[in-house]
Amino acid sequence: MIDSTNHDLAAGERRRDDAHTLLEARRDIIVRRGRRALLNALLEYGRATADDVRTGVELPDGIDPVCLGAVPGVLARTGIIERDGYVATRRADAHARPVSVWRLRDRAAAEQWLTLHPDLPDITLADELPLWRCVAQK
């Protein structure tokens, strides 16, 4: 059996918590980028799908693409966009499953949302982890 001390356990728990905090922060950045990609596609083309979001957002290692499912929710609830049917996805890895088609409902609100929600910088472990550790411990 491995002899572990409370110090080792605490250090491991801190690392785990820091990793979860970092992952959550990165997810929020990715979801915002997804919303920006969706709105930009809608402003340009009038209709868009999850395929447009996936094309417009690069997912870093460790981020599950399922987080992009959160992209349209707040935009639909606030009346900026609305569902306009379904189509088969164009992405081969998604096996032609149906995805929602979104249409722009309020152009001015979409433009305002983009202005109020600029892209966020990437968070890297080396640059941000000490900051997140301090915030988490307050």
C-alpha atoms as a PDB file:
ATOM      1  CA  MET A   1       0.000   0.000   0.000  1.00  0.00           C
ATOM      2  CA  ILE A   2       1.217   3.489  -0.814  1.00  0.00           C
ATOM      3  CA  ASP A   3       1.981   5.618   2.200  1.00  0.00           C
ATOM      4  CA  SER A   4       0.292   8.962   1.655  1.00  0.00           C
ATOM      5  CA  THR A   5       0.354  11.894   3.995  1.00  0.00           C
ATOM      6  CA  ASN A   6      -2.292  14.529   4.478  1.00  0.00           C
ATOM      7  CA  HIS A   7       0.054  16.939   2.701  1.00  0.00           C
ATOM      8  CA  ASP A   8       0.104  14.731  -0.401  1.00  0.00           C
ATOM      9  CA  LEU A   9      -3.661  14.367  -0.267  1.00  0.00           C
ATOM     10  CA  ALA A  10      -4.177  18.119   0.097  1.00  0.00           C
ATOM     11  CA  ALA A  11      -1.789  18.812  -2.777  1.00  0.00           C
ATOM     12  CA  GLY A  12      -3.639  16.315  -4.954  1.00  0.00           C
ATOM     13  CA  GLU A  13      -6.996  17.805  -4.070  1.00  0.00           C
ATOM     14  CA  ARG A  14      -5.698  21.303  -4.858  1.00  0.00           C
ATOM     15  CA  ARG A  15      -4.425  20.135  -8.237  1.00  0.00           C
ATOM     16  CA  ARG A  16      -7.750  18.452  -8.986  1.00  0.00           C
ATOM     17  CA  ASP A  17      -9.714  21.544  -7.937  1.00  0.00           C
ATOM     18  CA  ASP A  18      -7.429  23.826  -9.954  1.00  0.00           C
ATOM     19  CA  ALA A  19      -7.863  21.625 -13.018  1.00  0.00           C
ATOM     20  CA  HIS A  20     -11.655  21.667 -12.629  1.00  0.00           C
ATOM     21  CA  THR A  21     -11.682  25.442 -12.207  1.00  0.00           C
ATOM     22  CA  LEU A  22      -9.509  25.871 -15.276  1.00  0.00           C
ATOM     23  CA  LEU A  23     -11.696  23.489 -17.288  1.00  0.00           C
ATOM     24  CA  GLU A  24     -14.836  25.377 -16.260  1.00  0.00           C
ATOM     25  CA  ALA A  25     -13.298  28.728 -17.196  1.00  0.00           C
ATOM     26  CA  ARG A  26     -12.136  27.346 -20.544  1.00  0.00           C
ATOM     27  CA  ARG A  27     -15.620  25.939 -21.176  1.00  0.00           C
ATOM     28  CA  ASP A  28     -17.173  29.372 -20.575  1.00  0.00           C
ATOM     29  CA  ILE A  29     -14.764  30.901 -23.095  1.00  0.00           C
ATOM     30  CA  ILE A  30     -15.613  28.211 -25.654  1.00  0.00           C
ATOM     31  CA  VAL A  31     -19.375  28.660 -25.155  1.00  0.00           C
ATOM     32  CA  ARG A  32     -19.012  32.432 -25.630  1.00  0.00           C
ATOM     33  CA  ARG A  33     -17.001  31.840 -28.802  1.00  0.00           C
ATOM     34  CA  GLY A  34     -19.728  29.484 -29.963  1.00  0.00           C
ATOM     35  CA  ARG A  35     -22.391  32.111 -29.390  1.00  0.00           C
ATOM     36  CA  ARG A  36     -20.303  34.646 -31.263  1.00  0.00           C
ATOM     37  CA  ALA A  37     -19.798  32.195 -34.147  1.00  0.00           C
ATOM     38  CA  LEU A  38     -23.524  31.446 -34.300  1.00  0.00           C
ATOM     39  CA  LEU A  39     -24.512  35.113 -34.274  1.00  0.00           C
ATOM     40  CA  ASN A  40     -21.905  36.043 -36.872  1.00  0.00           C
ATOM     41  CA  ALA A  41     -23.120  33.239 -39.159  1.00  0.00           C
ATOM     42  CA  LEU A  42     -26.717  34.363 -38.658  1.00  0.00           C
ATOM     43  CA  LEU A  43     -25.843  37.983 -39.384  1.00  0.00           C
ATOM     44  CA  GLU A  44     -24.108  36.925 -42.580  1.00  0.00           C
ATOM     45  CA  TYR A  45     -26.379  34.138 -43.845  1.00  0.00           C
ATOM     46  CA  GLY A  46     -29.670  34.500 -41.967  1.00  0.00           C
ATOM     47  CA  ARG A  47     -29.724  30.824 -40.910  1.00  0.00           C
ATOM     48  CA  ALA A  48     -27.146  28.651 -39.162  1.00  0.00           C
ATOM     49  CA  THR A  49     -26.717  25.321 -37.389  1.00  0.00           C
ATOM     50  CA  ALA A  50     -24.400  23.658 -34.899  1.00  0.00           C
ATOM     51  CA  ASP A  51     -22.178  22.865 -37.892  1.00  0.00           C
ATOM     52  CA  ASP A  52     -21.481  26.579 -38.278  1.00  0.00           C
ATOM     53  CA  VAL A  53     -20.599  26.796 -34.592  1.00  0.00           C
ATOM     54  CA  ARG A  54     -18.241  23.795 -34.812  1.00  0.00           C
ATOM     55  CA  THR A  55     -16.565  25.318 -37.878  1.00  0.00           C
ATOM     56  CA  GLY A  56     -16.156  28.665 -36.112  1.00  0.00           C
ATOM     57  CA  VAL A  57     -14.763  27.419 -32.800  1.00  0.00           C
ATOM     58  CA  GLU A  58     -11.505  25.587 -32.249  1.00  0.00           C
ATOM     59  CA  LEU A  59     -11.811  23.232 -29.301  1.00  0.00           C
ATOM     60  CA  PRO A  60      -8.721  22.892 -27.116  1.00  0.00           C
ATOM     61  CA  ASP A  61      -7.638  19.540 -25.731  1.00  0.00           C
ATOM     62  CA  GLY A  62      -9.762  18.426 -22.832  1.00  0.00           C
ATOM     63  CA  ILE A  63     -12.923  20.248 -23.921  1.00  0.00           C
ATOM     64  CA  ASP A  64     -15.789  17.970 -24.922  1.00  0.00           C
ATOM     65  CA  PRO A  65     -17.708  19.343 -27.922  1.00  0.00           C
ATOM     66  CA  VAL A  66     -20.933  18.592 -26.069  1.00  0.00           C
ATOM     67  CA  CYS A  67     -20.403  21.914 -24.223  1.00  0.00           C
ATOM     68  CA  LEU A  68     -21.374  23.667 -27.461  1.00  0.00           C
ATOM     69  CA  GLY A  69     -24.921  22.451 -26.884  1.00  0.00           C
ATOM     70  CA  ALA A  70     -25.228  25.385 -24.461  1.00  0.00           C
ATOM     71  CA  VAL A  71     -24.605  27.903 -27.236  1.00  0.00           C
ATOM     72  CA  PRO A  72     -28.105  28.764 -28.507  1.00  0.00           C
ATOM     73  CA  GLY A  73     -30.049  28.611 -25.225  1.00  0.00           C
ATOM     74  CA  VAL A  74     -29.595  32.105 -23.833  1.00  0.00           C
ATOM     75  CA  LEU A  75     -29.786  33.639 -27.314  1.00  0.00           C
ATOM     76  CA  ALA A  76     -33.136  31.929 -27.929  1.00  0.00           C
ATOM     77  CA  ARG A  77     -34.500  32.731 -24.463  1.00  0.00           C
ATOM     78  CA  THR A  78     -33.746  36.424 -24.963  1.00  0.00           C
ATOM     79  CA  GLY A  79     -35.456  36.450 -28.368  1.00  0.00           C
ATOM     80  CA  ILE A  80     -32.351  37.147 -30.452  1.00  0.00           C
ATOM     81  CA  ILE A  81     -32.680  33.873 -32.377  1.00  0.00           C
ATOM     82  CA  GLU A  82     -35.356  31.234 -32.883  1.00  0.00           C
ATOM     83  CA  ARG A  83     -35.452  27.649 -34.086  1.00  0.00           C
ATOM     84  CA  ASP A  84     -36.466  27.320 -37.722  1.00  0.00           C
ATOM     85  CA  GLY A  85     -36.672  23.556 -38.161  1.00  0.00           C
ATOM     86  CA  TYR A  86     -34.110  20.795 -38.421  1.00  0.00           C
ATOM     87  CA  VAL A  87     -31.648  19.494 -40.996  1.00  0.00           C
ATOM     88  CA  ALA A  88     -29.182  16.626 -41.109  1.00  0.00           C
ATOM     89  CA  THR A  89     -25.747  17.667 -39.929  1.00  0.00           C
ATOM     90  CA  ARG A  90     -23.045  18.067 -42.582  1.00  0.00           C
ATOM     91  CA  ARG A  91     -20.353  16.655 -40.290  1.00  0.00           C
ATOM     92  CA  ALA A  92     -19.568  13.028 -41.116  1.00  0.00           C
ATOM     93  CA  ASP A  93     -18.579  12.239 -37.523  1.00  0.00           C
ATOM     94  CA  ALA A  94     -22.105  13.212 -36.401  1.00  0.00           C
ATOM     95  CA  HIS A  95     -23.677  10.495 -38.612  1.00  0.00           C
ATOM     96  CA  ALA A  96     -26.301  12.705 -40.308  1.00  0.00           C
ATOM     97  CA  ARG A  97     -28.216  13.266 -37.067  1.00  0.00           C
ATOM     98  CA  PRO A  98     -30.723  16.115 -37.069  1.00  0.00           C
ATOM     99  CA  VAL A  99     -29.571  19.492 -35.789  1.00  0.00           C
ATOM    100  CA  SER A 100     -31.577  22.635 -35.198  1.00  0.00           C
ATOM    101  CA  VAL A 101     -31.618  25.356 -37.788  1.00  0.00           C
ATOM    102  CA  TRP A 102     -31.524  28.776 -36.150  1.00  0.00           C
ATOM    103  CA  ARG A 103     -32.664  32.018 -37.700  1.00  0.00           C
ATOM    104  CA  LEU A 104     -31.982  35.555 -36.626  1.00  0.00           C
ATOM    105  CA  ARG A 105     -35.008  37.158 -35.019  1.00  0.00           C
ATOM    106  CA  ASP A 106     -33.538  40.496 -33.879  1.00  0.00           C
ATOM    107  CA  ARG A 107     -30.544  41.848 -35.827  1.00  0.00           C
ATOM    108  CA  ALA A 108     -30.022  44.880 -33.575  1.00  0.00           C
ATOM    109  CA  ALA A 109     -30.039  42.704 -30.443  1.00  0.00           C
ATOM    110  CA  ALA A 110     -27.548  40.301 -32.050  1.00  0.00           C
ATOM    111  CA  GLU A 111     -25.185  43.144 -32.903  1.00  0.00           C
ATOM    112  CA  GLN A 112     -25.556  44.554 -29.389  1.00  0.00           C
ATOM    113  CA  TRP A 113     -24.872  41.122 -27.830  1.00  0.00           C
ATOM    114  CA  LEU A 114     -21.665  40.824 -29.864  1.00  0.00           C
ATOM    115  CA  THR A 115     -20.564  44.289 -28.736  1.00  0.00           C
ATOM    116  CA  LEU A 116     -21.291  43.541 -25.077  1.00  0.00           C
ATOM    117  CA  HIS A 117     -19.691  40.071 -25.191  1.00  0.00           C
ATOM    118  CA  PRO A 118     -16.288  40.353 -26.900  1.00  0.00           C
ATOM    119  CA  ASP A 119     -14.092  37.337 -27.434  1.00  0.00           C
ATOM    120  CA  LEU A 120     -12.153  36.316 -24.356  1.00  0.00           C
ATOM    121  CA  PRO A 121      -8.463  35.417 -24.336  1.00  0.00           C
ATOM    122  CA  ASP A 122      -7.414  31.813 -23.960  1.00  0.00           C
ATOM    123  CA  ILE A 123      -6.636  30.615 -20.462  1.00  0.00           C
ATOM    124  CA  THR A 124      -3.472  28.606 -20.114  1.00  0.00           C
ATOM    125  CA  LEU A 125      -2.414  26.536 -17.161  1.00  0.00           C
ATOM    126  CA  ALA A 126       0.932  28.286 -16.818  1.00  0.00           C
ATOM    127  CA  ASP A 127      -0.482  31.807 -16.958  1.00  0.00           C
ATOM    128  CA  GLU A 128      -3.743  31.545 -15.066  1.00  0.00           C
ATOM    129  CA  LEU A 129      -3.657  28.670 -12.605  1.00  0.00           C
ATOM    130  CA  PRO A 130      -2.112  30.653  -9.724  1.00  0.00           C
ATOM    131  CA  LEU A 131      -4.786  33.340 -10.193  1.00  0.00           C
ATOM    132  CA  TRP A 132      -7.578  30.760 -10.181  1.00  0.00           C
ATOM    133  CA  ARG A 133      -6.132  29.102  -7.090  1.00  0.00           C
ATOM    134  CA  CYS A 134      -6.235  32.447  -5.266  1.00  0.00           C
ATOM    135  CA  VAL A 135      -9.802  33.135  -6.352  1.00  0.00           C
ATOM    136  CA  ALA A 136     -10.969  29.652  -5.364  1.00  0.00           C
ATOM    137  CA  GLN A 137      -9.512  29.952  -1.864  1.00  0.00           C
ATOM    138  CA  LYS A 138     -11.210  33.258  -0.975  1.00  0.00           C
END
